[in-house]
Amino acid sequence: MVLHLSWSPPLALRAPQRPGGATGKGEPVAATAVRVWEAPADGTPGVE
């Protein structure tokens, strides 16, 4: 099994909307996006 991996640099997501407050009024949420997928066994492109 061969796995491929990609990720984004650290990013800040806008604060979610909360009761009594507008969207983006709170502190941003720090996050990193990660994606892992398996390479097709026979070399043909797969469906994601």
PDB file of N, CA and C in Angstrom:
ATOM      1  N   MET A   1       0.843  -1.164   0.000  1.00  0.00           N
ATOM      2  CA  MET A   1       0.000   0.000   0.000  1.00  0.00           C
ATOM      3  C   MET A   1       0.898   1.240   0.000  1.00  0.00           C
ATOM      4  N   VAL A   2       0.617   2.153  -0.916  1.00  0.00           N
ATOM      5  CA  VAL A   2       1.354   3.407  -0.990  1.00  0.00           C
ATOM      6  C   VAL A   2       0.387   4.539  -0.641  1.00  0.00           C
ATOM      7  N   LEU A   3       0.779   5.352   0.317  1.00  0.00           N
ATOM      8  CA  LEU A   3      -0.043   6.489   0.712  1.00  0.00           C
ATOM      9  C   LEU A   3       0.614   7.783   0.277  1.00  0.00           C
ATOM     10  N   HIS A   4      -0.184   8.721  -0.166  1.00  0.00           N
ATOM     11  CA  HIS A   4       0.282  10.058  -0.501  1.00  0.00           C
ATOM     12  C   HIS A   4      -0.191  11.003   0.595  1.00  0.00           C
ATOM     13  N   LEU A   5       0.595  12.034   0.846  1.00  0.00           N
ATOM     14  CA  LEU A   5       0.289  12.966   1.916  1.00  0.00           C
ATOM     15  C   LEU A   5       0.507  14.386   1.432  1.00  0.00           C
ATOM     16  N   SER A   6      -0.416  15.272   1.768  1.00  0.00           N
ATOM     17  CA  SER A   6      -0.223  16.699   1.506  1.00  0.00           C
ATOM     18  C   SER A   6      -0.790  17.462   2.684  1.00  0.00           C
ATOM     19  N   TRP A   7      -0.267  18.644   2.928  1.00  0.00           N
ATOM     20  CA  TRP A   7      -0.749  19.464   4.029  1.00  0.00           C
ATOM     21  C   TRP A   7      -0.577  20.926   3.679  1.00  0.00           C
ATOM     22  N   SER A   8      -1.289  21.757   4.403  1.00  0.00           N
ATOM     23  CA  SER A   8      -1.201  23.193   4.183  1.00  0.00           C
ATOM     24  C   SER A   8      -0.338  23.796   5.283  1.00  0.00           C
ATOM     25  N   PRO A   9       0.232  24.944   5.035  1.00  0.00           N
ATOM     26  CA  PRO A   9       0.920  25.636   6.127  1.00  0.00           C
ATOM     27  C   PRO A   9      -0.114  26.057   7.169  1.00  0.00           C
ATOM     28  N   PRO A  10       0.330  26.372   8.370  1.00  0.00           N
ATOM     29  CA  PRO A  10      -0.634  26.811   9.395  1.00  0.00           C
ATOM     30  C   PRO A  10      -1.482  27.974   8.881  1.00  0.00           C
ATOM     31  N   LEU A  11      -2.765  27.939   9.202  1.00  0.00           N
ATOM     32  CA  LEU A  11      -3.673  28.995   8.775  1.00  0.00           C
ATOM     33  C   LEU A  11      -4.614  29.334   9.915  1.00  0.00           C
ATOM     34  N   ALA A  12      -5.306  30.454   9.788  1.00  0.00           N
ATOM     35  CA  ALA A  12      -6.249  30.882  10.815  1.00  0.00           C
ATOM     36  C   ALA A  12      -7.644  30.909  10.202  1.00  0.00           C
ATOM     37  N   LEU A  13      -8.565  30.202  10.833  1.00  0.00           N
ATOM     38  CA  LEU A  13      -9.954  30.173  10.390  1.00  0.00           C
ATOM     39  C   LEU A  13     -10.724  31.258  11.122  1.00  0.00           C
ATOM     40  N   ARG A  14     -11.626  31.890  10.411  1.00  0.00           N
ATOM     41  CA  ARG A  14     -12.439  32.926  11.029  1.00  0.00           C
ATOM     42  C   ARG A  14     -13.242  32.330  12.180  1.00  0.00           C
ATOM     43  N   ALA A  15     -13.382  33.075  13.241  1.00  0.00           N
ATOM     44  CA  ALA A  15     -14.119  32.600  14.410  1.00  0.00           C
ATOM     45  C   ALA A  15     -15.570  32.309  14.028  1.00  0.00           C
ATOM     46  N   PRO A  16     -16.143  31.217  14.569  1.00  0.00           N
ATOM     47  CA  PRO A  16     -17.536  30.880  14.258  1.00  0.00           C
ATOM     48  C   PRO A  16     -18.517  31.852  14.918  1.00  0.00           C
ATOM     49  N   GLN A  17     -19.743  31.847  14.419  1.00  0.00           N
ATOM     50  CA  GLN A  17     -20.789  32.672  15.021  1.00  0.00           C
ATOM     51  C   GLN A  17     -21.256  32.004  16.307  1.00  0.00           C
ATOM     52  N   ARG A  18     -21.450  32.797  17.333  1.00  0.00           N
ATOM     53  CA  ARG A  18     -21.916  32.294  18.626  1.00  0.00           C
ATOM     54  C   ARG A  18     -23.142  33.074  19.046  1.00  0.00           C
ATOM     55  N   PRO A  19     -23.966  32.509  19.893  1.00  0.00           N
ATOM     56  CA  PRO A  19     -25.139  33.257  20.371  1.00  0.00           C
ATOM     57  C   PRO A  19     -24.698  34.576  21.008  1.00  0.00           C
ATOM     58  N   GLY A  20     -25.329  35.657  20.599  1.00  0.00           N
ATOM     59  CA  GLY A  20     -25.007  36.972  21.145  1.00  0.00           C
ATOM     60  C   GLY A  20     -23.811  37.640  20.492  1.00  0.00           C
ATOM     61  N   GLY A  21     -23.207  37.019  19.506  1.00  0.00           N
ATOM     62  CA  GLY A  21     -22.043  37.607  18.843  1.00  0.00           C
ATOM     63  C   GLY A  21     -22.057  37.334  17.364  1.00  0.00           C
ATOM     64  N   ALA A  22     -21.456  38.227  16.610  1.00  0.00           N
ATOM     65  CA  ALA A  22     -21.414  38.081  15.150  1.00  0.00           C
ATOM     66  C   ALA A  22     -20.256  37.175  14.728  1.00  0.00           C
ATOM     67  N   THR A  23     -20.337  36.669  13.509  1.00  0.00           N
ATOM     68  CA  THR A  23     -19.276  35.848  12.951  1.00  0.00           C
ATOM     69  C   THR A  23     -17.985  36.658  12.885  1.00  0.00           C
ATOM     70  N   GLY A  24     -16.884  36.059  13.315  1.00  0.00           N
ATOM     71  CA  GLY A  24     -15.584  36.701  13.217  1.00  0.00           C
ATOM     72  C   GLY A  24     -15.247  37.641  14.357  1.00  0.00           C
ATOM     73  N   LYS A  25     -16.110  37.790  15.345  1.00  0.00           N
ATOM     74  CA  LYS A  25     -15.824  38.701  16.465  1.00  0.00           C
ATOM     75  C   LYS A  25     -14.844  38.088  17.458  1.00  0.00           C
ATOM     76  N   GLY A  26     -14.799  36.763  17.555  1.00  0.00           N
ATOM     77  CA  GLY A  26     -13.893  36.101  18.492  1.00  0.00           C
ATOM     78  C   GLY A  26     -12.506  35.935  17.896  1.00  0.00           C
ATOM     79  N   GLU A  27     -11.653  35.277  18.641  1.00  0.00           N
ATOM     80  CA  GLU A  27     -10.294  34.997  18.171  1.00  0.00           C
ATOM     81  C   GLU A  27     -10.340  33.972  17.036  1.00  0.00           C
ATOM     82  N   PRO A  28      -9.458  34.104  16.036  1.00  0.00           N
ATOM     83  CA  PRO A  28      -9.410  33.098  14.966  1.00  0.00           C
ATOM     84  C   PRO A  28      -8.948  31.743  15.513  1.00  0.00           C
ATOM     85  N   VAL A  29      -9.330  30.679  14.842  1.00  0.00           N
ATOM     86  CA  VAL A  29      -8.978  29.322  15.247  1.00  0.00           C
ATOM     87  C   VAL A  29      -7.803  28.864  14.388  1.00  0.00           C
ATOM     88  N   ALA A  30      -6.684  28.515  15.031  1.00  0.00           N
ATOM     89  CA  ALA A  30      -5.501  28.038  14.305  1.00  0.00           C
ATOM     90  C   ALA A  30      -5.746  26.607  13.838  1.00  0.00           C
ATOM     91  N   ALA A  31      -5.331  26.293  12.594  1.00  0.00           N
ATOM     92  CA  ALA A  31      -5.550  24.949  12.046  1.00  0.00           C
ATOM     93  C   ALA A  31      -4.514  24.628  10.974  1.00  0.00           C
ATOM     94  N   THR A  32      -4.347  23.354  10.711  1.00  0.00           N
ATOM     95  CA  THR A  32      -3.547  22.864   9.597  1.00  0.00           C
ATOM     96  C   THR A  32      -4.383  21.811   8.886  1.00  0.00           C
ATOM     97  N   ALA A  33      -4.491  21.902   7.564  1.00  0.00           N
ATOM     98  CA  ALA A  33      -5.263  20.933   6.788  1.00  0.00           C
ATOM     99  C   ALA A  33      -4.327  19.813   6.324  1.00  0.00           C
ATOM    100  N   VAL A  34      -4.762  18.555   6.509  1.00  0.00           N
ATOM    101  CA  VAL A  34      -3.980  17.386   6.109  1.00  0.00           C
ATOM    102  C   VAL A  34      -4.849  16.508   5.226  1.00  0.00           C
ATOM    103  N   ARG A  35      -4.254  15.983   4.150  1.00  0.00           N
ATOM    104  CA  ARG A  35      -4.975  15.094   3.225  1.00  0.00           C
ATOM    105  C   ARG A  35      -4.108  13.868   2.980  1.00  0.00           C
ATOM    106  N   VAL A  36      -4.690  12.690   3.150  1.00  0.00           N
ATOM    107  CA  VAL A  36      -3.997  11.419   2.912  1.00  0.00           C
ATOM    108  C   VAL A  36      -4.858  10.581   1.987  1.00  0.00           C
ATOM    109  N   TRP A  37      -4.236  10.004   0.951  1.00  0.00           N
ATOM    110  CA  TRP A  37      -4.987   9.132   0.049  1.00  0.00           C
ATOM    111  C   TRP A  37      -4.094   7.997  -0.427  1.00  0.00           C
ATOM    112  N   GLU A  38      -4.728   6.898  -0.794  1.00  0.00           N
ATOM    113  CA  GLU A  38      -4.017   5.711  -1.251  1.00  0.00           C
ATOM    114  C   GLU A  38      -3.831   5.770  -2.757  1.00  0.00           C
ATOM    115  N   ALA A  39      -2.630   5.458  -3.204  1.00  0.00           N
ATOM    116  CA  ALA A  39      -2.341   5.404  -4.637  1.00  0.00           C
ATOM    117  C   ALA A  39      -2.984   4.157  -5.228  1.00  0.00           C
ATOM    118  N   PRO A  40      -3.530   4.255  -6.443  1.00  0.00           N
ATOM    119  CA  PRO A  40      -4.107   3.062  -7.083  1.00  0.00           C
ATOM    120  C   PRO A  40      -3.033   1.984  -7.287  1.00  0.00           C
ATOM    121  N   ALA A  41      -3.404   0.743  -7.084  1.00  0.00           N
ATOM    122  CA  ALA A  41      -2.453  -0.377  -7.181  1.00  0.00           C
ATOM    123  C   ALA A  41      -1.900  -0.553  -8.586  1.00  0.00           C
ATOM    124  N   ASP A  42      -2.713  -0.350  -9.606  1.00  0.00           N
ATOM    125  CA  ASP A  42      -2.266  -0.606 -10.980  1.00  0.00           C
ATOM    126  C   ASP A  42      -1.770   0.655 -11.698  1.00  0.00           C
ATOM    127  N   GLY A  43      -1.693   1.781 -11.015  1.00  0.00           N
ATOM    128  CA  GLY A  43      -1.165   2.990 -11.608  1.00  0.00           C
ATOM    129  C   GLY A  43      -2.212   3.833 -12.328  1.00  0.00           C
ATOM    130  N   THR A  44      -3.446   3.357 -12.449  1.00  0.00           N
ATOM    131  CA  THR A  44      -4.482   4.151 -13.101  1.00  0.00           C
ATOM    132  C   THR A  44      -5.046   5.167 -12.109  1.00  0.00           C
ATOM    133  N   PRO A  45      -5.466   6.325 -12.577  1.00  0.00           N
ATOM    134  CA  PRO A  45      -6.027   7.308 -11.657  1.00  0.00           C
ATOM    135  C   PRO A  45      -7.320   6.807 -11.039  1.00  0.00           C
ATOM    136  N   GLY A  46      -7.517   7.111  -9.784  1.00  0.00           N
ATOM    137  CA  GLY A  46      -8.718   6.686  -9.079  1.00  0.00           C
ATOM    138  C   GLY A  46      -9.729   7.822  -8.985  1.00  0.00           C
ATOM    139  N   VAL A  47     -10.831   7.529  -8.379  1.00  0.00           N
ATOM    140  CA  VAL A  47     -11.876   8.525  -8.161  1.00  0.00           C
ATOM    141  C   VAL A  47     -11.777   8.978  -6.706  1.00  0.00           C
ATOM    142  N   GLU A  48     -11.765  10.278  -6.506  1.00  0.00           N
ATOM    143  CA  GLU A  48     -11.687  10.797  -5.140  1.00  0.00           C
ATOM    144  C   GLU A  48     -12.988  11.407  -4.745  1.00  0.00           C
TER     145      GLU A  48
END
